[in-house]
C-alpha atoms as a PDB file:
ATOM      1  CA  UNK A   1     -10.225 -24.677   9.958  1.00  0.00           C
ATOM      2  CA  UNK A   2      -8.090 -21.778   8.668  1.00  0.00           C
ATOM      3  CA  UNK A   3      -9.107 -20.556   5.213  1.00  0.00           C
ATOM      4  CA  UNK A   4      -6.438 -21.289   2.630  1.00  0.00           C
ATOM      5  CA  UNK A   5      -4.790 -18.318   0.934  1.00  0.00           C
ATOM      6  CA  UNK A   6      -5.058 -18.502  -2.849  1.00  0.00           C
ATOM      7  CA  UNK A   7      -1.676 -17.731  -4.411  1.00  0.00           C
ATOM      8  CA  UNK A   8      -0.554 -17.104  -7.976  1.00  0.00           C
ATOM      9  CA  UNK A   9       3.129 -17.752  -8.740  1.00  0.00           C
ATOM     10  CA  UNK A  10       5.195 -16.115 -11.466  1.00  0.00           C
ATOM     11  CA  UNK A  11       8.937 -16.411 -12.107  1.00  0.00           C
ATOM     12  CA  UNK A  12      11.154 -14.995 -14.814  1.00  0.00           C
ATOM     13  CA  UNK A  13      12.404 -18.489 -15.705  1.00  0.00           C
ATOM     14  CA  UNK A  14      10.873 -22.000 -15.630  1.00  0.00           C
ATOM     15  CA  UNK A  15      13.348 -23.381 -13.072  1.00  0.00           C
ATOM     16  CA  UNK A  16      12.522 -20.702 -10.510  1.00  0.00           C
ATOM     17  CA  UNK A  17       8.823 -21.185 -11.214  1.00  0.00           C
ATOM     18  CA  UNK A  18       9.085 -24.920 -10.575  1.00  0.00           C
ATOM     19  CA  UNK A  19      11.181 -24.358  -7.451  1.00  0.00           C
ATOM     20  CA  UNK A  20       8.650 -22.003  -5.886  1.00  0.00           C
ATOM     21  CA  UNK A  21       5.778 -24.298  -6.744  1.00  0.00           C
ATOM     22  CA  UNK A  22       7.592 -27.272  -5.196  1.00  0.00           C
ATOM     23  CA  UNK A  23       8.187 -25.337  -1.964  1.00  0.00           C
ATOM     24  CA  UNK A  24       4.607 -24.144  -1.616  1.00  0.00           C
ATOM     25  CA  UNK A  25       2.439 -26.839  -3.191  1.00  0.00           C
ATOM     26  CA  UNK A  26       2.233 -29.002  -0.082  1.00  0.00           C
ATOM     27  CA  UNK A  27       1.468 -26.185   2.360  1.00  0.00           C
ATOM     28  CA  UNK A  28      -1.980 -26.728   3.884  1.00  0.00           C
ATOM     29  CA  UNK A  29      -2.525 -22.980   4.392  1.00  0.00           C
ATOM     30  CA  UNK A  30      -2.010 -22.178   0.701  1.00  0.00           C
ATOM     31  CA  UNK A  31      -3.804 -22.990  -2.543  1.00  0.00           C
ATOM     32  CA  UNK A  32      -1.876 -22.417  -5.764  1.00  0.00           C
ATOM     33  CA  UNK A  33      -3.839 -20.732  -8.558  1.00  0.00           C
ATOM     34  CA  UNK A  34      -3.205 -21.063 -12.290  1.00  0.00           C
ATOM     35  CA  UNK A  35      -2.772 -18.023 -14.525  1.00  0.00           C
ATOM     36  CA  UNK A  36      -6.253 -18.454 -16.015  1.00  0.00           C
ATOM     37  CA  UNK A  37      -7.720 -17.938 -12.535  1.00  0.00           C
ATOM     38  CA  UNK A  38      -5.393 -15.143 -11.405  1.00  0.00           C
ATOM     39  CA  UNK A  39      -8.318 -12.890 -10.480  1.00  0.00           C
ATOM     40  CA  UNK A  40      -9.218 -15.409  -7.747  1.00  0.00           C
ATOM     41  CA  UNK A  41      -5.785 -15.165  -6.087  1.00  0.00           C
ATOM     42  CA  UNK A  42      -5.436 -13.170  -2.863  1.00  0.00           C
ATOM     43  CA  UNK A  43      -1.668 -12.794  -3.326  1.00  0.00           C
ATOM     44  CA  UNK A  44       0.738 -13.057  -6.244  1.00  0.00           C
ATOM     45  CA  UNK A  45       4.356 -14.068  -5.655  1.00  0.00           C
ATOM     46  CA  UNK A  46       6.752 -12.828  -8.336  1.00  0.00           C
ATOM     47  CA  UNK A  47      10.324 -14.093  -8.478  1.00  0.00           C
ATOM     48  CA  UNK A  48      12.824 -12.004 -10.435  1.00  0.00           C
ATOM     49  CA  UNK A  49      16.521 -11.272 -10.653  1.00  0.00           C
ATOM     50  CA  UNK A  50      16.177  -7.540 -10.059  1.00  0.00           C
ATOM     51  CA  UNK A  51      13.632  -4.791  -9.443  1.00  0.00           C
ATOM     52  CA  UNK A  52      13.942  -3.410 -12.957  1.00  0.00           C
ATOM     53  CA  UNK A  53      11.512  -2.133 -15.586  1.00  0.00           C
ATOM     54  CA  UNK A  54      10.511  -5.610 -16.879  1.00  0.00           C
ATOM     55  CA  UNK A  55       9.796  -6.755 -13.310  1.00  0.00           C
ATOM     56  CA  UNK A  56       7.712  -3.655 -12.571  1.00  0.00           C
ATOM     57  CA  UNK A  57       5.750  -4.278 -15.774  1.00  0.00           C
ATOM     58  CA  UNK A  58       4.996  -7.825 -14.592  1.00  0.00           C
ATOM     59  CA  UNK A  59       3.845  -6.484 -11.209  1.00  0.00           C
ATOM     60  CA  UNK A  60       1.472  -4.040 -12.859  1.00  0.00           C
ATOM     61  CA  UNK A  61       0.186  -6.654 -15.313  1.00  0.00           C
ATOM     62  CA  UNK A  62      -0.623  -8.991 -12.418  1.00  0.00           C
ATOM     63  CA  UNK A  63      -2.459  -6.169 -10.640  1.00  0.00           C
ATOM     64  CA  UNK A  64      -4.428  -5.262 -13.753  1.00  0.00           C
ATOM     65  CA  UNK A  65      -5.494  -8.897 -14.049  1.00  0.00           C
ATOM     66  CA  UNK A  66      -7.151  -8.821 -10.658  1.00  0.00           C
ATOM     67  CA  UNK A  67      -4.509  -9.569  -8.019  1.00  0.00           C
ATOM     68  CA  UNK A  68      -3.449  -6.301  -6.332  1.00  0.00           C
ATOM     69  CA  UNK A  69      -1.340  -7.781  -3.505  1.00  0.00           C
ATOM     70  CA  UNK A  70       2.116  -8.729  -4.714  1.00  0.00           C
ATOM     71  CA  UNK A  71       5.080 -10.244  -2.864  1.00  0.00           C
ATOM     72  CA  UNK A  72       8.310  -9.801  -4.812  1.00  0.00           C
ATOM     73  CA  UNK A  73      11.235 -12.199  -4.338  1.00  0.00           C
ATOM     74  CA  UNK A  74      14.362 -10.726  -5.931  1.00  0.00           C
ATOM     75  CA  UNK A  75      17.960 -11.842  -6.226  1.00  0.00           C
ATOM     76  CA  UNK A  76      19.205  -8.274  -5.738  1.00  0.00           C
ATOM     77  CA  UNK A  77      17.524  -5.714  -3.471  1.00  0.00           C
ATOM     78  CA  UNK A  78      19.066  -2.293  -3.031  1.00  0.00           C
ATOM     79  CA  UNK A  79      17.817   0.850  -1.322  1.00  0.00           C
ATOM     80  CA  UNK A  80      16.393   2.397  -4.495  1.00  0.00           C
ATOM     81  CA  UNK A  81      14.647  -0.881  -5.328  1.00  0.00           C
ATOM     82  CA  UNK A  82      12.415  -0.480  -2.274  1.00  0.00           C
ATOM     83  CA  UNK A  83      11.040   2.827  -3.515  1.00  0.00           C
ATOM     84  CA  UNK A  84      10.433   1.467  -7.012  1.00  0.00           C
ATOM     85  CA  UNK A  85       8.676  -1.613  -5.672  1.00  0.00           C
ATOM     86  CA  UNK A  86       6.519   0.344  -3.219  1.00  0.00           C
ATOM     87  CA  UNK A  87       5.527   2.834  -5.925  1.00  0.00           C
ATOM     88  CA  UNK A  88       4.436  -0.120  -8.077  1.00  0.00           C
ATOM     89  CA  UNK A  89       2.216  -1.408  -5.260  1.00  0.00           C
ATOM     90  CA  UNK A  90       4.361  -4.301  -3.992  1.00  0.00           C
ATOM     91  CA  UNK A  91       3.438  -5.135  -0.385  1.00  0.00           C
ATOM     92  CA  UNK A  92       6.194  -7.646   0.396  1.00  0.00           C
ATOM     93  CA  UNK A  93       9.884  -7.835  -0.510  1.00  0.00           C
ATOM     94  CA  UNK A  94      12.227 -10.773   0.108  1.00  0.00           C
ATOM     95  CA  UNK A  95      15.769 -11.574  -0.985  1.00  0.00           C
ATOM     96  CA  UNK A  96      15.825 -14.847  -2.854  1.00  0.00           C
ATOM     97  CA  UNK A  97      19.131 -15.956  -1.343  1.00  0.00           C
ATOM     98  CA  UNK A  98      17.972 -15.668   2.255  1.00  0.00           C
ATOM     99  CA  UNK A  99      14.246 -16.403   1.951  1.00  0.00           C
ATOM    100  CA  UNK A 100      13.254 -19.726   3.488  1.00  0.00           C
ATOM    101  CA  UNK A 101       9.964 -21.440   2.635  1.00  0.00           C
ATOM    102  CA  UNK A 102       8.684 -20.440   6.085  1.00  0.00           C
ATOM    103  CA  UNK A 103       9.546 -16.784   5.484  1.00  0.00           C
ATOM    104  CA  UNK A 104       7.858 -16.876   2.104  1.00  0.00           C
ATOM    105  CA  UNK A 105       4.686 -18.386   3.556  1.00  0.00           C
ATOM    106  CA  UNK A 106       4.757 -15.816   6.353  1.00  0.00           C
ATOM    107  CA  UNK A 107       5.078 -12.990   3.797  1.00  0.00           C
ATOM    108  CA  UNK A 108       2.182 -14.402   1.773  1.00  0.00           C
ATOM    109  CA  UNK A 109      -0.059 -14.613   4.817  1.00  0.00           C
ATOM    110  CA  UNK A 110       0.923 -11.106   5.895  1.00  0.00           C
ATOM    111  CA  UNK A 111       0.111  -9.750   2.441  1.00  0.00           C
ATOM    112  CA  UNK A 112      -3.242 -11.533   2.416  1.00  0.00           C
ATOM    113  CA  UNK A 113      -4.013  -9.903   5.759  1.00  0.00           C
ATOM    114  CA  UNK A 114      -3.156  -6.434   4.483  1.00  0.00           C
ATOM    115  CA  UNK A 115       0.293  -6.185   6.071  1.00  0.00           C
ATOM    116  CA  UNK A 116       3.667  -5.542   4.454  1.00  0.00           C
ATOM    117  CA  UNK A 117       7.038  -7.287   4.716  1.00  0.00           C
ATOM    118  CA  UNK A 118      10.534  -5.881   4.164  1.00  0.00           C
ATOM    119  CA  UNK A 119      14.042  -7.141   4.967  1.00  0.00           C
ATOM    120  CA  UNK A 120      14.999  -5.491   8.294  1.00  0.00           C
ATOM    121  CA  UNK A 121      18.019  -3.682   6.836  1.00  0.00           C
ATOM    122  CA  UNK A 122      15.826  -1.983   4.220  1.00  0.00           C
ATOM    123  CA  UNK A 123      13.050  -0.937   6.569  1.00  0.00           C
ATOM    124  CA  UNK A 124      15.125   1.793   8.194  1.00  0.00           C
ATOM    125  CA  UNK A 125      16.134   3.133   4.791  1.00  0.00           C
ATOM    126  CA  UNK A 126      12.514   3.279   3.661  1.00  0.00           C
ATOM    127  CA  UNK A 127      11.537   5.167   6.797  1.00  0.00           C
ATOM    128  CA  UNK A 128      14.342   7.662   6.144  1.00  0.00           C
ATOM    129  CA  UNK A 129      13.103   8.149   2.585  1.00  0.00           C
ATOM    130  CA  UNK A 130       9.572   8.733   3.853  1.00  0.00           C
ATOM    131  CA  UNK A 131      10.867  11.280   6.350  1.00  0.00           C
ATOM    132  CA  UNK A 132      12.825  13.085   3.614  1.00  0.00           C
ATOM    133  CA  UNK A 133       9.740  13.291   1.390  1.00  0.00           C
ATOM    134  CA  UNK A 134       7.705  14.671   4.288  1.00  0.00           C
ATOM    135  CA  UNK A 135      10.395  17.192   5.253  1.00  0.00           C
ATOM    136  CA  UNK A 136      11.553  18.402   1.851  1.00  0.00           C
ATOM    137  CA  UNK A 137       8.562  17.882  -0.448  1.00  0.00           C
ATOM    138  CA  UNK A 138       5.281  17.838   1.464  1.00  0.00           C
ATOM    139  CA  UNK A 139       5.903  20.056   4.493  1.00  0.00           C
ATOM    140  CA  UNK A 140       7.073  23.105   2.468  1.00  0.00           C
ATOM    141  CA  UNK A 141       3.734  22.886   0.634  1.00  0.00           C
ATOM    142  CA  UNK A 142       1.753  22.497   3.842  1.00  0.00           C
ATOM    143  CA  UNK A 143       0.808  18.908   2.979  1.00  0.00           C
ATOM    144  CA  UNK A 144       0.946  15.548   4.723  1.00  0.00           C
ATOM    145  CA  UNK A 145       0.973  11.998   3.346  1.00  0.00           C
ATOM    146  CA  UNK A 146      -2.800  11.942   3.699  1.00  0.00           C
ATOM    147  CA  UNK A 147      -3.070  14.576   0.972  1.00  0.00           C
ATOM    148  CA  UNK A 148      -4.678  16.940   3.490  1.00  0.00           C
ATOM    149  CA  UNK A 149      -3.015  20.025   4.918  1.00  0.00           C
ATOM    150  CA  UNK A 150      -3.233  21.085   8.547  1.00  0.00           C
ATOM    151  CA  UNK A 151      -6.033  23.570   7.907  1.00  0.00           C
ATOM    152  CA  UNK A 152      -8.156  20.887   6.243  1.00  0.00           C
ATOM    153  CA  UNK A 153      -7.516  18.455   9.082  1.00  0.00           C
ATOM    154  CA  UNK A 154      -8.444  21.106  11.667  1.00  0.00           C
ATOM    155  CA  UNK A 155     -11.741  21.829   9.908  1.00  0.00           C
ATOM    156  CA  UNK A 156     -12.618  18.130   9.569  1.00  0.00           C
ATOM    157  CA  UNK A 157     -11.872  17.506  13.256  1.00  0.00           C
ATOM    158  CA  UNK A 158     -14.316  20.231  14.266  1.00  0.00           C
ATOM    159  CA  UNK A 159     -16.957  19.007  11.796  1.00  0.00           C
ATOM    160  CA  UNK A 160     -16.618  15.540  13.337  1.00  0.00           C
ATOM    161  CA  UNK A 161     -17.254  17.088  16.774  1.00  0.00           C
ATOM    162  CA  UNK A 162     -20.532  18.588  15.604  1.00  0.00           C
ATOM    163  CA  UNK A 163     -19.449  22.195  15.053  1.00  0.00           C
ATOM    164  CA  UNK A 164     -21.349  24.137  12.382  1.00  0.00           C
ATOM    165  CA  UNK A 165     -19.706  26.463   9.859  1.00  0.00           C
ATOM    166  CA  UNK A 166     -19.982  29.567  12.033  1.00  0.00           C
ATOM    167  CA  UNK A 167     -18.549  27.802  15.084  1.00  0.00           C
ATOM    168  CA  UNK A 168     -15.644  26.391  13.082  1.00  0.00           C
ATOM    169  CA  UNK A 169     -14.878  29.831  11.662  1.00  0.00           C
ATOM    170  CA  UNK A 170     -14.885  31.349  15.143  1.00  0.00           C
ATOM    171  CA  UNK A 171     -12.747  28.600  16.662  1.00  0.00           C
ATOM    172  CA  UNK A 172     -10.100  28.679  13.942  1.00  0.00           C
ATOM    173  CA  UNK A 173     -10.318  32.422  13.291  1.00  0.00           C
ATOM    174  CA  UNK A 174     -11.311  31.885   9.643  1.00  0.00           C
ATOM    175  CA  UNK A 175     -14.137  33.408   7.668  1.00  0.00           C
ATOM    176  CA  UNK A 176     -17.209  31.256   7.083  1.00  0.00           C
ATOM    177  CA  UNK A 177     -16.457  31.392   3.356  1.00  0.00           C
ATOM    178  CA  UNK A 178     -12.991  29.947   4.011  1.00  0.00           C
ATOM    179  CA  UNK A 179     -14.459  27.068   6.015  1.00  0.00           C
ATOM    180  CA  UNK A 180     -16.975  26.326   3.254  1.00  0.00           C
ATOM    181  CA  UNK A 181     -14.225  26.440   0.627  1.00  0.00           C
ATOM    182  CA  UNK A 182     -12.057  24.049   2.649  1.00  0.00           C
ATOM    183  CA  UNK A 183     -14.860  21.499   2.912  1.00  0.00           C
ATOM    184  CA  UNK A 184     -15.736  21.860  -0.786  1.00  0.00           C
ATOM    185  CA  UNK A 185     -12.084  21.397  -1.798  1.00  0.00           C
ATOM    186  CA  UNK A 186     -11.782  18.211   0.270  1.00  0.00           C
ATOM    187  CA  UNK A 187     -15.025  16.691  -0.985  1.00  0.00           C
ATOM    188  CA  UNK A 188     -14.155  17.492  -4.615  1.00  0.00           C
ATOM    189  CA  UNK A 189     -10.553  16.240  -4.394  1.00  0.00           C
ATOM    190  CA  UNK A 190     -11.475  12.867  -2.913  1.00  0.00           C
ATOM    191  CA  UNK A 191     -14.792  12.392  -4.729  1.00  0.00           C
ATOM    192  CA  UNK A 192     -16.872  12.630  -1.547  1.00  0.00           C
ATOM    193  CA  UNK A 193     -20.557  13.535  -1.432  1.00  0.00           C
ATOM    194  CA  UNK A 194     -20.764  16.001   1.447  1.00  0.00           C
ATOM    195  CA  UNK A 195     -19.189  17.038   4.744  1.00  0.00           C
ATOM    196  CA  UNK A 196     -20.471  13.940   6.550  1.00  0.00           C
ATOM    197  CA  UNK A 197     -18.900  11.716   3.901  1.00  0.00           C
ATOM    198  CA  UNK A 198     -15.647  13.701   4.242  1.00  0.00           C
ATOM    199  CA  UNK A 199     -15.596  13.120   8.005  1.00  0.00           C
ATOM    200  CA  UNK A 200     -16.344   9.420   7.552  1.00  0.00           C
ATOM    201  CA  UNK A 201     -13.482   9.164   5.038  1.00  0.00           C
ATOM    202  CA  UNK A 202     -11.045  10.926   7.378  1.00  0.00           C
ATOM    203  CA  UNK A 203     -12.044   8.664  10.271  1.00  0.00           C
ATOM    204  CA  UNK A 204     -11.642   5.485   8.213  1.00  0.00           C
ATOM    205  CA  UNK A 205      -8.191   6.632   7.103  1.00  0.00           C
ATOM    206  CA  UNK A 206      -7.177   7.381  10.684  1.00  0.00           C
ATOM    207  CA  UNK A 207      -6.586  11.052   9.899  1.00  0.00           C
ATOM    208  CA  UNK A 208      -8.712  12.457  12.706  1.00  0.00           C
END
């Protein structure tokens, strides 16, 4: 038997709230959660007219109350709305006018599984925005989206392959002090204990 996904619903008006509940209440793969038990929900679905400041405040309030995965159903979704929603931690976006109950359930299940959902026409725009940030903001500073620069990644790759400090310095043509400083900077920045922990972190994140 498939485990039911616990879902908390929030809408900006009572009619929308009742409409969402009516669409989802009978779904065998979902279990609707009341506000008092929001911290037990795997996914929150928020219905709003627009991705504006009040909506973002609701998203963050829901996350603070113990439900970090949010699917946002909005009447209006523009290109800039995607960035605002993603920055707020929203993992799924749907247009209210075109979202069917099946699409909503699919988005909820995707969010519960750690995946994201976007309308197809907005996905390309988001990817272009990501590319612009990488090209114009991060790359000129020698950074990547991981928060690590190429030198740090090179050092961590060699640490993961069993190289000691002297061997890393020789391979990369750095001083041993530079290699030690790189490892110390990474461990301090990400709150890691030592070089082994730094390598484990980088591997888990798919960085090396």
